[in-house]
């Protein structure tokens, strides 16, 4: 259907792969392929659901940036309203164009991957590919074995059942780590409410093998693309 078609420039821009202007430059140089064929017309449209568009191996190397950021409590990943503080407000100017891969809610802390590489971002956001996320959690009650069993077997939530989680309890039994293979909206808070607990503190300490480590709140560190493999 015609309404499903978009210009390649718009598609690449929306996916944070290339800017529209840069995409046009690549088309003019013969560096964009649509279903294996070189694109020559700047007005060429594609259907993202069925067409395969890619950058030719002959293209000049594009340098992308990848960084890990430790989001503080009270800061939005992406600000929904004008005037609130978000991650990019805390980054140096040269990194403020980066997009977050996924998100943490305002009241959560911890690891966020940020990049301008749309292909990498789409890989990590693909719901069909499992990427483990580990969180440190503090709750307002004692975590019982019955609660653990429910969390690890799956919780009915939002018209579905969550995938099994992995729970490891600390000595206090109000603090524990939980590992998920999916990332639904406010999932851990919703899961815990279902078993009778409320979250006091929630920190993501790893994502897809990337570790928060000793990165301080509000700080970031640059990483290499090889670290994502």
C-alpha atoms as a PDB file:
ATOM      1  CA  UNK A   1       0.000   0.000   0.000  1.00  0.00           C
ATOM      2  CA  UNK A   2       1.218   3.499  -0.880  1.00  0.00           C
ATOM      3  CA  UNK A   3       0.944   4.792   2.687  1.00  0.00           C
ATOM      4  CA  UNK A   4       3.416   2.135   3.844  1.00  0.00           C
ATOM      5  CA  UNK A   5       6.159   3.454   1.552  1.00  0.00           C
ATOM      6  CA  UNK A   6       8.791   5.876   2.846  1.00  0.00           C
ATOM      7  CA  UNK A   7      11.783   7.505   1.264  1.00  0.00           C
ATOM      8  CA  UNK A   8      15.068   5.844   2.110  1.00  0.00           C
ATOM      9  CA  UNK A   9      16.339   9.132   3.533  1.00  0.00           C
ATOM     10  CA  UNK A  10      13.498   9.222   6.048  1.00  0.00           C
ATOM     11  CA  UNK A  11      13.901   5.563   6.974  1.00  0.00           C
ATOM     12  CA  UNK A  12      17.640   5.883   7.628  1.00  0.00           C
ATOM     13  CA  UNK A  13      17.097   9.067   9.629  1.00  0.00           C
ATOM     14  CA  UNK A  14      14.344   7.500  11.762  1.00  0.00           C
ATOM     15  CA  UNK A  15      16.570   4.489  12.455  1.00  0.00           C
ATOM     16  CA  UNK A  16      19.535   6.738  13.393  1.00  0.00           C
ATOM     17  CA  UNK A  17      21.628   5.097  10.668  1.00  0.00           C
ATOM     18  CA  UNK A  18      22.394   8.203   8.585  1.00  0.00           C
ATOM     19  CA  UNK A  19      21.020  11.717   8.425  1.00  0.00           C
ATOM     20  CA  UNK A  20      18.772  12.537   5.471  1.00  0.00           C
ATOM     21  CA  UNK A  21      21.443  14.734   3.904  1.00  0.00           C
ATOM     22  CA  UNK A  22      24.108  12.052   4.362  1.00  0.00           C
ATOM     23  CA  UNK A  23      21.793   9.416   2.863  1.00  0.00           C
ATOM     24  CA  UNK A  24      21.288  11.586  -0.220  1.00  0.00           C
ATOM     25  CA  UNK A  25      25.047  11.941  -0.538  1.00  0.00           C
ATOM     26  CA  UNK A  26      25.413   8.153  -0.352  1.00  0.00           C
ATOM     27  CA  UNK A  27      22.691   7.628  -2.975  1.00  0.00           C
ATOM     28  CA  UNK A  28      24.436  10.044  -5.349  1.00  0.00           C
ATOM     29  CA  UNK A  29      27.673   8.093  -4.887  1.00  0.00           C
ATOM     30  CA  UNK A  30      25.938   4.737  -5.502  1.00  0.00           C
ATOM     31  CA  UNK A  31      26.480   3.536  -1.934  1.00  0.00           C
ATOM     32  CA  UNK A  32      22.877   2.614  -1.052  1.00  0.00           C
ATOM     33  CA  UNK A  33      21.417  -0.757  -2.036  1.00  0.00           C
ATOM     34  CA  UNK A  34      17.721  -1.587  -2.118  1.00  0.00           C
ATOM     35  CA  UNK A  35      17.056  -5.321  -2.285  1.00  0.00           C
ATOM     36  CA  UNK A  36      20.575  -5.764  -3.615  1.00  0.00           C
ATOM     37  CA  UNK A  37      20.299  -3.114  -6.356  1.00  0.00           C
ATOM     38  CA  UNK A  38      22.095   0.234  -6.388  1.00  0.00           C
ATOM     39  CA  UNK A  39      19.709   3.137  -5.767  1.00  0.00           C
ATOM     40  CA  UNK A  40      20.175   6.036  -8.206  1.00  0.00           C
ATOM     41  CA  UNK A  41      17.015   8.134  -7.660  1.00  0.00           C
ATOM     42  CA  UNK A  42      16.773  10.384  -4.583  1.00  0.00           C
ATOM     43  CA  UNK A  43      12.998   9.918  -4.650  1.00  0.00           C
ATOM     44  CA  UNK A  44      13.142   6.121  -4.309  1.00  0.00           C
ATOM     45  CA  UNK A  45      10.715   4.760  -1.713  1.00  0.00           C
ATOM     46  CA  UNK A  46      10.727   1.481   0.205  1.00  0.00           C
ATOM     47  CA  UNK A  47       8.474  -0.632   2.394  1.00  0.00           C
ATOM     48  CA  UNK A  48      10.319  -1.163   5.721  1.00  0.00           C
ATOM     49  CA  UNK A  49       8.280  -4.298   6.387  1.00  0.00           C
ATOM     50  CA  UNK A  50       9.486  -6.195   3.324  1.00  0.00           C
ATOM     51  CA  UNK A  51      12.336  -4.324   1.629  1.00  0.00           C
ATOM     52  CA  UNK A  52      16.012  -4.651   2.548  1.00  0.00           C
ATOM     53  CA  UNK A  53      17.988  -1.456   2.348  1.00  0.00           C
ATOM     54  CA  UNK A  54      21.672  -1.358   3.219  1.00  0.00           C
ATOM     55  CA  UNK A  55      24.892   0.576   2.802  1.00  0.00           C
ATOM     56  CA  UNK A  56      27.250  -0.766   0.150  1.00  0.00           C
ATOM     57  CA  UNK A  57      30.555  -2.271   1.336  1.00  0.00           C
ATOM     58  CA  UNK A  58      32.183   0.249  -1.017  1.00  0.00           C
ATOM     59  CA  UNK A  59      31.013   3.164   1.150  1.00  0.00           C
ATOM     60  CA  UNK A  60      33.412   5.162   3.237  1.00  0.00           C
ATOM     61  CA  UNK A  61      33.626   4.022   6.826  1.00  0.00           C
ATOM     62  CA  UNK A  62      31.155   5.764   9.129  1.00  0.00           C
ATOM     63  CA  UNK A  63      32.431   6.380  12.644  1.00  0.00           C
ATOM     64  CA  UNK A  64      29.837   5.715  15.332  1.00  0.00           C
ATOM     65  CA  UNK A  65      29.925   6.444  19.044  1.00  0.00           C
ATOM     66  CA  UNK A  66      29.000   4.030  21.825  1.00  0.00           C
ATOM     67  CA  UNK A  67      28.917   4.924  25.488  1.00  0.00           C
ATOM     68  CA  UNK A  68      27.628   3.532  28.753  1.00  0.00           C
ATOM     69  CA  UNK A  69      25.881   5.991  31.042  1.00  0.00           C
ATOM     70  CA  UNK A  70      24.912   5.579  34.696  1.00  0.00           C
ATOM     71  CA  UNK A  71      21.511   7.262  34.880  1.00  0.00           C
ATOM     72  CA  UNK A  72      20.858   8.921  38.251  1.00  0.00           C
ATOM     73  CA  UNK A  73      17.548   8.709  40.098  1.00  0.00           C
ATOM     74  CA  UNK A  74      15.097  11.453  39.107  1.00  0.00           C
ATOM     75  CA  UNK A  75      16.443  11.892  35.570  1.00  0.00           C
ATOM     76  CA  UNK A  76      14.369  10.843  32.561  1.00  0.00           C
ATOM     77  CA  UNK A  77      15.857   8.689  29.837  1.00  0.00           C
ATOM     78  CA  UNK A  78      13.923  10.788  27.329  1.00  0.00           C
ATOM     79  CA  UNK A  79      12.055  13.772  28.721  1.00  0.00           C
ATOM     80  CA  UNK A  80       8.309  13.574  27.968  1.00  0.00           C
ATOM     81  CA  UNK A  81       7.673  17.223  28.823  1.00  0.00           C
ATOM     82  CA  UNK A  82       9.532  20.444  28.250  1.00  0.00           C
ATOM     83  CA  UNK A  83      11.678  21.543  31.154  1.00  0.00           C
ATOM     84  CA  UNK A  84      12.453  18.198  32.825  1.00  0.00           C
ATOM     85  CA  UNK A  85      15.979  16.825  33.034  1.00  0.00           C
ATOM     86  CA  UNK A  86      17.024  13.964  30.763  1.00  0.00           C
ATOM     87  CA  UNK A  87      20.187  11.982  30.087  1.00  0.00           C
ATOM     88  CA  UNK A  88      21.428  14.155  27.228  1.00  0.00           C
ATOM     89  CA  UNK A  89      21.363  17.203  29.517  1.00  0.00           C
ATOM     90  CA  UNK A  90      24.116  15.536  31.557  1.00  0.00           C
ATOM     91  CA  UNK A  91      26.361  14.657  28.616  1.00  0.00           C
ATOM     92  CA  UNK A  92      29.028  16.850  26.995  1.00  0.00           C
ATOM     93  CA  UNK A  93      27.790  18.698  23.917  1.00  0.00           C
ATOM     94  CA  UNK A  94      29.530  16.357  21.451  1.00  0.00           C
ATOM     95  CA  UNK A  95      27.466  13.403  22.727  1.00  0.00           C
ATOM     96  CA  UNK A  96      24.035  14.979  23.018  1.00  0.00           C
ATOM     97  CA  UNK A  97      22.956  13.657  19.621  1.00  0.00           C
ATOM     98  CA  UNK A  98      23.157  10.054  20.874  1.00  0.00           C
ATOM     99  CA  UNK A  99      20.010   8.004  21.421  1.00  0.00           C
ATOM    100  CA  UNK A 100      19.392   5.645  24.310  1.00  0.00           C
ATOM    101  CA  UNK A 101      18.950   1.946  23.628  1.00  0.00           C
ATOM    102  CA  UNK A 102      15.838   1.212  25.660  1.00  0.00           C
ATOM    103  CA  UNK A 103      15.033   3.207  28.746  1.00  0.00           C
ATOM    104  CA  UNK A 104      14.835   3.320  32.516  1.00  0.00           C
ATOM    105  CA  UNK A 105      11.952   5.087  34.236  1.00  0.00           C
ATOM    106  CA  UNK A 106      12.542   8.277  36.210  1.00  0.00           C
ATOM    107  CA  UNK A 107      12.708   6.493  39.571  1.00  0.00           C
ATOM    108  CA  UNK A 108      15.206   3.861  38.404  1.00  0.00           C
ATOM    109  CA  UNK A 109      18.974   4.157  38.157  1.00  0.00           C
ATOM    110  CA  UNK A 110      21.793   2.486  36.340  1.00  0.00           C
ATOM    111  CA  UNK A 111      23.151   1.348  33.032  1.00  0.00           C
ATOM    112  CA  UNK A 112      22.002   2.814  29.711  1.00  0.00           C
ATOM    113  CA  UNK A 113      23.700   2.172  26.364  1.00  0.00           C
ATOM    114  CA  UNK A 114      23.741   5.208  24.080  1.00  0.00           C
ATOM    115  CA  UNK A 115      24.770   5.357  20.431  1.00  0.00           C
ATOM    116  CA  UNK A 116      24.188   6.955  17.033  1.00  0.00           C
ATOM    117  CA  UNK A 117      24.492   3.549  15.340  1.00  0.00           C
ATOM    118  CA  UNK A 118      20.925   2.686  14.367  1.00  0.00           C
ATOM    119  CA  UNK A 119      21.779  -0.840  13.263  1.00  0.00           C
ATOM    120  CA  UNK A 120      23.255  -1.700  16.651  1.00  0.00           C
ATOM    121  CA  UNK A 121      20.364  -0.018  18.450  1.00  0.00           C
ATOM    122  CA  UNK A 122      17.795  -1.982  16.456  1.00  0.00           C
ATOM    123  CA  UNK A 123      19.624  -5.223  17.240  1.00  0.00           C
ATOM    124  CA  UNK A 124      19.335  -4.640  20.970  1.00  0.00           C
ATOM    125  CA  UNK A 125      15.738  -3.420  20.726  1.00  0.00           C
ATOM    126  CA  UNK A 126      14.594  -6.400  18.640  1.00  0.00           C
ATOM    127  CA  UNK A 127      12.017  -8.224  20.768  1.00  0.00           C
ATOM    128  CA  UNK A 128      12.851 -11.449  18.960  1.00  0.00           C
ATOM    129  CA  UNK A 129      16.429 -11.445  20.303  1.00  0.00           C
ATOM    130  CA  UNK A 130      16.838 -12.029  24.043  1.00  0.00           C
ATOM    131  CA  UNK A 131      19.260  -9.783  25.918  1.00  0.00           C
ATOM    132  CA  UNK A 132      19.637 -10.304  29.656  1.00  0.00           C
ATOM    133  CA  UNK A 133      19.199  -7.339  31.988  1.00  0.00           C
ATOM    134  CA  UNK A 134      20.324  -7.595  35.618  1.00  0.00           C
ATOM    135  CA  UNK A 135      19.041  -5.311  38.359  1.00  0.00           C
ATOM    136  CA  UNK A 136      19.782  -4.726  42.030  1.00  0.00           C
ATOM    137  CA  UNK A 137      16.493  -4.283  43.887  1.00  0.00           C
ATOM    138  CA  UNK A 138      15.544  -3.178  47.390  1.00  0.00           C
ATOM    139  CA  UNK A 139      11.929  -3.747  48.489  1.00  0.00           C
ATOM    140  CA  UNK A 140       9.788  -2.779  51.470  1.00  0.00           C
ATOM    141  CA  UNK A 141       9.315  -6.312  52.797  1.00  0.00           C
ATOM    142  CA  UNK A 142      11.067  -9.662  53.147  1.00  0.00           C
ATOM    143  CA  UNK A 143      11.356 -11.593  49.894  1.00  0.00           C
ATOM    144  CA  UNK A 144       9.982 -15.056  50.631  1.00  0.00           C
ATOM    145  CA  UNK A 145      10.643 -18.284  48.782  1.00  0.00           C
ATOM    146  CA  UNK A 146       7.062 -18.254  47.557  1.00  0.00           C
ATOM    147  CA  UNK A 147       7.574 -14.824  46.028  1.00  0.00           C
ATOM    148  CA  UNK A 148      10.817 -15.980  44.415  1.00  0.00           C
ATOM    149  CA  UNK A 149       9.094 -19.032  42.932  1.00  0.00           C
ATOM    150  CA  UNK A 150       6.434 -16.832  41.339  1.00  0.00           C
ATOM    151  CA  UNK A 151       8.980 -14.404  39.915  1.00  0.00           C
ATOM    152  CA  UNK A 152      11.091 -17.210  38.498  1.00  0.00           C
ATOM    153  CA  UNK A 153       8.178 -19.067  36.928  1.00  0.00           C
ATOM    154  CA  UNK A 154       6.536 -15.996  35.335  1.00  0.00           C
ATOM    155  CA  UNK A 155       3.930 -13.445  36.415  1.00  0.00           C
ATOM    156  CA  UNK A 156       0.662 -12.766  34.588  1.00  0.00           C
ATOM    157  CA  UNK A 157       0.838  -9.086  33.684  1.00  0.00           C
ATOM    158  CA  UNK A 158      -0.535  -6.871  30.912  1.00  0.00           C
ATOM    159  CA  UNK A 159      -2.448  -9.721  29.230  1.00  0.00           C
ATOM    160  CA  UNK A 160       0.633 -11.927  29.054  1.00  0.00           C
ATOM    161  CA  UNK A 161       2.954 -13.947  31.260  1.00  0.00           C
ATOM    162  CA  UNK A 162       6.462 -12.648  31.849  1.00  0.00           C
ATOM    163  CA  UNK A 163       9.366 -14.834  30.881  1.00  0.00           C
ATOM    164  CA  UNK A 164      11.022 -16.662  33.807  1.00  0.00           C
ATOM    165  CA  UNK A 165      13.357 -14.482  35.838  1.00  0.00           C
ATOM    166  CA  UNK A 166      16.470 -15.378  37.835  1.00  0.00           C
ATOM    167  CA  UNK A 167      16.525 -14.190  41.445  1.00  0.00           C
ATOM    168  CA  UNK A 168      19.508 -14.134  43.807  1.00  0.00           C
ATOM    169  CA  UNK A 169      18.838 -12.947  47.368  1.00  0.00           C
ATOM    170  CA  UNK A 170      21.333 -10.964  49.437  1.00  0.00           C
ATOM    171  CA  UNK A 171      21.799 -11.492  53.175  1.00  0.00           C
ATOM    172  CA  UNK A 172      19.198  -8.887  54.177  1.00  0.00           C
ATOM    173  CA  UNK A 173      16.428 -10.645  52.189  1.00  0.00           C
ATOM    174  CA  UNK A 174      15.084  -7.234  51.252  1.00  0.00           C
ATOM    175  CA  UNK A 175      17.856  -6.767  48.710  1.00  0.00           C
ATOM    176  CA  UNK A 176      18.369  -9.055  45.763  1.00  0.00           C
ATOM    177  CA  UNK A 177      19.322  -9.185  42.105  1.00  0.00           C
ATOM    178  CA  UNK A 178      16.872 -10.146  39.396  1.00  0.00           C
ATOM    179  CA  UNK A 179      17.766 -10.986  35.802  1.00  0.00           C
ATOM    180  CA  UNK A 180      15.245 -10.622  32.979  1.00  0.00           C
ATOM    181  CA  UNK A 181      15.451 -11.560  29.314  1.00  0.00           C
ATOM    182  CA  UNK A 182      12.855  -8.948  28.301  1.00  0.00           C
ATOM    183  CA  UNK A 183      12.160  -5.299  29.071  1.00  0.00           C
ATOM    184  CA  UNK A 184       8.504  -4.414  29.405  1.00  0.00           C
ATOM    185  CA  UNK A 185       7.434  -1.007  30.750  1.00  0.00           C
ATOM    186  CA  UNK A 186       8.126  -0.808  34.516  1.00  0.00           C
ATOM    187  CA  UNK A 187       8.241  -4.596  34.495  1.00  0.00           C
ATOM    188  CA  UNK A 188      10.057  -5.255  37.767  1.00  0.00           C
ATOM    189  CA  UNK A 189       7.886  -2.838  39.748  1.00  0.00           C
ATOM    190  CA  UNK A 190       4.730  -4.417  38.315  1.00  0.00           C
ATOM    191  CA  UNK A 191       5.977  -7.960  38.938  1.00  0.00           C
ATOM    192  CA  UNK A 192       6.828  -7.219  42.541  1.00  0.00           C
ATOM    193  CA  UNK A 193       3.488  -5.563  43.215  1.00  0.00           C
ATOM    194  CA  UNK A 194       1.877  -8.753  41.937  1.00  0.00           C
ATOM    195  CA  UNK A 195       3.677 -10.747  44.661  1.00  0.00           C
ATOM    196  CA  UNK A 196       3.013  -8.199  47.424  1.00  0.00           C
ATOM    197  CA  UNK A 197       6.088  -5.960  47.484  1.00  0.00           C
ATOM    198  CA  UNK A 198       6.967  -2.395  46.530  1.00  0.00           C
ATOM    199  CA  UNK A 199      10.299  -1.261  45.120  1.00  0.00           C
ATOM    200  CA  UNK A 200      12.334   1.158  47.213  1.00  0.00           C
ATOM    201  CA  UNK A 201      15.404   1.238  44.949  1.00  0.00           C
ATOM    202  CA  UNK A 202      16.042  -0.214  41.498  1.00  0.00           C
ATOM    203  CA  UNK A 203      19.396  -0.136  39.710  1.00  0.00           C
ATOM    204  CA  UNK A 204      20.279  -1.808  36.419  1.00  0.00           C
ATOM    205  CA  UNK A 205      23.786  -3.205  36.734  1.00  0.00           C
ATOM    206  CA  UNK A 206      24.149  -5.031  33.425  1.00  0.00           C
ATOM    207  CA  UNK A 207      22.614  -5.161  29.956  1.00  0.00           C
ATOM    208  CA  UNK A 208      23.436  -7.683  27.216  1.00  0.00           C
ATOM    209  CA  UNK A 209      26.767  -8.502  28.846  1.00  0.00           C
ATOM    210  CA  UNK A 210      27.720  -4.851  29.418  1.00  0.00           C
ATOM    211  CA  UNK A 211      28.518  -4.099  33.066  1.00  0.00           C
ATOM    212  CA  UNK A 212      27.929  -0.962  35.126  1.00  0.00           C
ATOM    213  CA  UNK A 213      30.989  -1.744  37.223  1.00  0.00           C
ATOM    214  CA  UNK A 214      32.366   1.207  39.181  1.00  0.00           C
ATOM    215  CA  UNK A 215      30.844   3.854  36.906  1.00  0.00           C
ATOM    216  CA  UNK A 216      29.573   6.615  39.184  1.00  0.00           C
ATOM    217  CA  UNK A 217      26.069   8.034  39.003  1.00  0.00           C
ATOM    218  CA  UNK A 218      25.820  10.636  36.239  1.00  0.00           C
ATOM    219  CA  UNK A 219      29.101   9.569  34.619  1.00  0.00           C
ATOM    220  CA  UNK A 220      29.758   7.740  31.362  1.00  0.00           C
ATOM    221  CA  UNK A 221      32.478   5.803  29.625  1.00  0.00           C
ATOM    222  CA  UNK A 222      33.090   5.296  25.923  1.00  0.00           C
ATOM    223  CA  UNK A 223      33.252   1.737  24.644  1.00  0.00           C
ATOM    224  CA  UNK A 224      34.308   0.072  21.396  1.00  0.00           C
ATOM    225  CA  UNK A 225      31.881  -1.641  19.052  1.00  0.00           C
ATOM    226  CA  UNK A 226      33.768  -4.855  19.725  1.00  0.00           C
ATOM    227  CA  UNK A 227      32.540  -4.649  23.337  1.00  0.00           C
ATOM    228  CA  UNK A 228      29.003  -5.141  21.982  1.00  0.00           C
ATOM    229  CA  UNK A 229      29.742  -8.336  20.099  1.00  0.00           C
END
